[in-house]
Protein backbone atom coordinates (compact mmCIF):
# COMPACT_ATOMS: atom_id res chain seq x y z
CA MET A 1 48.06 125.09 66.01
CA ALA A 2 49.58 128.46 65.54
CA VAL A 3 48.27 130.58 62.76
CA ARG A 4 51.27 131.81 61.13
CA SER A 5 52.22 135.04 59.44
CA LEU A 6 49.59 135.31 56.57
CA GLY A 7 47.07 135.93 59.10
CA PRO A 8 43.20 135.96 58.31
CA PRO A 9 41.51 136.54 55.24
CA THR A 10 40.95 140.13 54.60
CA THR A 11 37.16 139.96 53.75
CA LEU A 12 35.77 138.21 56.87
CA ASN A 13 32.33 138.61 58.33
CA VAL A 14 32.19 136.69 61.44
CA CYS A 15 28.61 136.10 61.61
CA ARG A 16 26.59 134.55 64.51
CA GLU A 17 26.49 131.20 63.09
CA TRP A 18 30.21 130.78 63.21
CA GLN A 19 30.24 132.41 66.65
CA SER A 20 27.77 129.95 67.94
CA ARG A 21 29.75 127.07 66.26
CA LEU A 22 32.94 128.27 68.28
CA GLN A 23 30.91 127.37 71.42
CA GLU A 24 30.15 123.82 70.03
CA VAL A 25 33.67 122.87 68.90
CA GLY A 26 34.10 119.27 69.70
CA GLU A 27 30.63 118.02 69.89
CA PRO A 28 30.43 114.56 68.52
CA ASP A 29 28.94 113.77 65.04
CA ALA A 30 28.63 117.55 64.19
CA LYS A 31 27.48 118.31 60.61
CA LEU A 32 29.54 120.92 58.62
CA HIS A 33 28.91 121.62 55.07
CA GLY A 34 26.58 118.64 54.88
CA GLU A 35 29.25 116.16 55.96
CA ARG A 36 29.14 114.25 59.22
CA GLN A 37 32.41 114.53 61.32
CA ARG A 38 34.17 111.87 63.46
CA GLU A 39 34.77 113.54 66.93
CA HIS A 40 35.97 110.95 69.18
CA ARG A 41 36.00 113.33 72.12
CA PRO A 42 36.03 117.08 72.62
CA SER A 43 38.77 119.11 70.98
CA LEU A 44 39.20 121.33 74.06
CA PRO A 45 40.63 119.84 77.18
CA CYS A 46 38.38 118.50 79.84
CA ASP A 47 38.80 119.53 83.56
CA ASP A 48 39.44 115.94 84.62
CA LEU A 49 42.32 115.46 81.92
CA GLU A 50 45.91 115.95 82.97
CA ALA A 51 47.56 118.87 81.17
CA MET A 52 49.42 117.74 78.12
CA LEU A 53 52.26 118.80 75.75
CA ILE A 54 50.89 119.29 72.45
CA TYR A 55 52.47 119.45 69.08
CA SER A 56 50.16 121.11 66.40
CA MET A 57 50.76 122.52 62.94
CA GLY A 58 49.45 122.65 59.33
CA VAL A 59 50.91 120.04 56.97
CA SER A 60 50.93 118.98 53.46
CA VAL A 61 49.56 115.64 52.39
CA ASP A 62 53.16 114.57 52.20
CA GLY A 63 53.86 115.69 55.77
CA PHE A 64 55.70 118.96 55.42
CA ILE A 65 55.06 122.16 57.25
CA ALA A 66 56.95 124.27 54.81
CA ASP A 67 58.03 123.76 51.30
CA ARG A 68 61.59 123.69 49.88
CA GLU A 69 61.58 127.43 49.70
CA GLY A 70 60.35 127.74 53.26
CA ALA A 71 56.87 128.98 52.03
CA PHE A 72 53.56 127.74 53.64
CA ALA A 73 51.15 129.86 52.16
CA TRP A 74 48.98 126.77 51.44
CA THR A 75 48.25 126.51 55.26
CA ASP A 76 46.43 129.87 55.35
CA PRO A 77 43.00 129.04 57.11
CA ASP A 78 39.62 129.98 56.10
CA VAL A 79 37.07 131.43 58.61
CA GLU A 80 35.85 128.15 59.87
CA GLN A 81 39.35 126.83 60.58
CA PHE A 82 40.53 130.15 62.07
CA LEU A 83 37.70 129.96 64.70
CA PHE A 84 38.82 126.54 65.45
CA HIS A 85 42.34 127.70 65.93
CA ILE A 86 41.09 130.50 68.23
CA ALA A 87 39.30 128.01 70.42
CA GLN A 88 42.25 125.78 70.82
CA VAL A 89 44.83 128.61 71.41
CA ARG A 90 42.46 129.99 73.98
CA GLU A 91 42.94 126.67 76.01
CA LEU A 92 46.80 126.95 76.20
CA GLY A 93 48.69 127.86 79.36
CA SER A 94 51.81 128.39 77.65
CA TYR A 95 53.80 127.93 74.39
CA LEU A 96 57.33 126.61 73.56
CA CYS A 97 58.74 127.68 70.29
CA GLY A 98 61.80 127.94 68.04
CA ARG A 99 63.14 131.21 66.82
CA ARG A 100 61.64 130.86 63.49
CA LEU A 101 58.17 130.40 64.79
CA TYR A 102 58.56 133.05 67.32
CA GLU A 103 59.71 135.59 64.67
CA THR A 104 57.00 134.54 62.30
CA MET A 105 54.28 134.96 64.88
CA LEU A 106 55.67 138.07 66.48
CA VAL A 107 53.55 140.08 63.86
CA TRP A 108 50.54 139.39 65.96
CA ASP A 109 52.31 141.52 68.78
CA THR A 110 53.58 144.26 66.45
CA ASP A 111 51.21 144.92 63.72
CA PRO A 112 48.12 146.67 64.74
CA SER A 113 46.65 146.25 61.20
CA LEU A 114 45.90 142.46 62.00
CA ARG A 115 43.38 143.70 64.48
CA ASP A 116 41.31 145.35 61.82
CA ASP A 117 38.86 142.82 61.53
CA GLU A 118 36.86 140.95 64.22
CA LEU A 119 38.45 137.66 63.69
CA GLY A 120 42.05 138.85 63.58
CA ALA A 121 41.66 140.83 66.71
CA ALA A 122 40.26 137.74 68.40
CA PHE A 123 43.29 135.69 67.46
CA ALA A 124 45.70 138.43 68.49
CA ASP A 125 44.04 138.68 71.95
CA VAL A 126 44.35 135.03 72.81
CA TRP A 127 47.79 134.63 71.14
CA CYS A 128 49.36 137.75 72.88
CA ALA A 129 47.88 136.62 76.17
CA ILE A 130 49.88 133.38 76.17
CA PRO A 131 53.23 133.22 77.92
CA LYS A 132 56.03 132.05 75.47
CA VAL A 133 59.24 130.41 75.88
CA VAL A 134 61.68 130.96 72.92
CA PHE A 135 64.63 128.46 72.14
CA SER A 136 67.33 130.26 70.27
CA ARG A 137 71.15 130.31 69.99
CA THR A 138 71.16 133.72 68.41
CA LEU A 139 68.57 136.09 69.91
CA ASP A 140 69.68 138.22 72.88
CA SER A 141 66.16 139.26 73.66
CA VAL A 142 62.58 138.82 72.73
CA GLN A 143 59.42 141.04 72.66
CA GLY A 144 55.83 140.50 73.77
CA ASN A 145 54.72 138.03 76.33
CA ALA A 146 57.80 135.93 75.93
CA ARG A 147 61.27 134.92 77.42
CA LEU A 148 64.37 133.24 76.16
CA ALA A 149 64.66 129.58 77.22
CA ALA A 150 67.09 129.28 80.26
CA GLY A 151 66.87 125.48 80.29
CA SER A 152 66.78 122.44 78.10
CA VAL A 153 63.54 121.45 76.17
CA ALA A 154 62.81 118.82 78.84
CA GLU A 155 63.29 121.31 81.61
CA GLU A 156 61.24 124.12 79.93
CA ALA A 157 58.42 121.77 79.24
CA ALA A 158 58.32 120.48 82.80
CA ALA A 159 58.36 123.90 84.14
CA ALA A 160 55.60 125.08 81.82
CA LEU A 161 53.33 122.20 82.68
CA ASP A 162 53.99 122.85 86.39
CA ALA A 163 53.11 126.46 86.06
CA THR A 164 49.58 126.00 84.48
CA ASP A 165 46.45 123.72 84.83
CA LYS A 166 46.03 124.16 81.08
CA ASP A 167 47.79 122.29 78.10
CA VAL A 168 51.10 123.61 76.88
CA ALA A 169 51.84 123.65 73.09
CA ILE A 170 55.25 123.31 71.34
CA GLY A 171 56.06 124.52 67.90
CA GLY A 172 58.75 124.81 65.52
CA ALA A 173 60.25 121.76 63.91
CA GLY A 174 63.62 121.58 65.68
CA VAL A 175 62.10 122.05 69.09
CA ALA A 176 59.27 119.76 68.51
CA ALA A 177 61.67 117.08 67.20
CA ALA A 178 63.78 117.39 70.39
CA ALA A 179 60.62 116.76 72.48
CA ILE A 180 59.49 113.97 70.46
CA GLY A 181 62.78 112.35 70.78
CA LEU A 182 62.52 112.67 74.46
CA GLY A 183 59.16 111.24 74.51
CA LEU A 184 57.51 114.41 76.01
CA VAL A 185 54.93 115.02 73.56
CA ASP A 186 51.31 113.69 74.56
CA GLU A 187 49.41 114.78 71.44
CA MET A 188 50.20 115.43 67.84
CA ARG A 189 47.63 117.49 65.89
CA MET A 190 47.93 117.97 62.18
CA PHE A 191 45.91 120.14 59.88
CA ARG A 192 46.47 118.35 56.59
CA ASN A 193 46.13 120.49 53.63
CA PRO A 194 45.22 119.09 50.18
CA VAL A 195 48.44 119.83 48.51
CA VAL A 196 51.71 117.84 47.93
CA VAL A 197 54.88 119.93 48.08
CA GLY A 198 57.58 117.28 47.37
CA GLY A 199 59.92 118.26 50.02
CA GLY A 200 60.85 120.87 52.75
CA THR A 201 60.66 120.90 56.53
CA PRO A 202 59.08 117.78 57.88
CA PHE A 203 56.35 117.76 60.57
CA LEU A 204 58.14 114.75 62.10
CA PRO A 205 61.62 113.82 62.73
CA PRO A 206 63.18 110.66 61.87
CA VAL A 207 62.86 108.01 64.64
CA THR A 208 64.71 104.83 65.42
CA GLU A 209 61.77 102.75 66.57
CA HIS A 210 57.90 102.74 66.11
CA VAL A 211 55.96 105.33 68.08
CA THR A 212 52.36 103.84 68.57
CA LEU A 213 49.55 106.41 68.66
CA ASP A 214 45.91 106.53 69.12
CA LEU A 215 43.82 108.38 66.49
CA ILE A 216 41.32 110.08 68.82
CA GLU A 217 39.66 112.69 66.66
CA THR A 218 39.21 113.64 62.95
CA ARG A 219 37.47 116.49 61.33
CA THR A 220 37.10 117.63 57.83
CA PHE A 221 36.64 121.39 57.29
CA GLY A 222 34.70 123.04 54.40
CA SER A 223 38.04 124.01 52.85
CA ARG A 224 38.78 120.22 52.77
CA VAL A 225 41.61 120.41 55.24
CA ILE A 226 41.50 117.41 57.48
CA TYR A 227 42.24 117.70 61.24
CA GLU A 228 43.96 114.62 62.64
CA ARG A 229 44.52 114.23 66.35
CA TYR A 230 46.80 111.72 67.67
CA ALA A 231 47.66 110.75 71.35
CA ARG A 232 50.12 108.52 73.01
CA PRO A 233 48.51 105.61 74.76
CA ARG A 234 48.35 106.21 78.37
């Protein structure tokens, strides 16, 4: 899951309780805010698992990643969720993204003020360290730790997975739709926000036949955002 342009809340105090919880991400039956969570297996990749291509975004209850005006302010994470994002992003070996997502997230490379608090600095460090491949028909160049895609989605995904022993993420509705259509995505991770937006950019593309998935993990954050993790049967 990429944390998009809104960045962290401005009045954050990352206390030891949250820092210790960051080390415990994925432990089964963890209790948060008095509620027991279903954790079917760790959120972070295990050493004995094959590297995967992951599609992860914040979505509305009705399945949109942005509303009809292109806004997504309702996906802004709280401290707990932001720490979860940092832990997940730290485990990535590469990120394939479309132009809009690249341009939205570029602020983490270019705006030093986002590092003014501890949490923002932590996310900026892990995000900027990840090699990124940008798919665009209009950009001539990209900034930061990124390059323009030279091949197809299938070719770039294969190259990214070959180049690292970590998982690779893909983001941006158009690029992800192409990967889903080709059967390349191993896991889909949704942070379902308690809002109905009624239209906009859908998380998933139309499909011509059923795609069977296994629900392997759920988690409810204190903000009432529900994390849903689905995998293709292997």
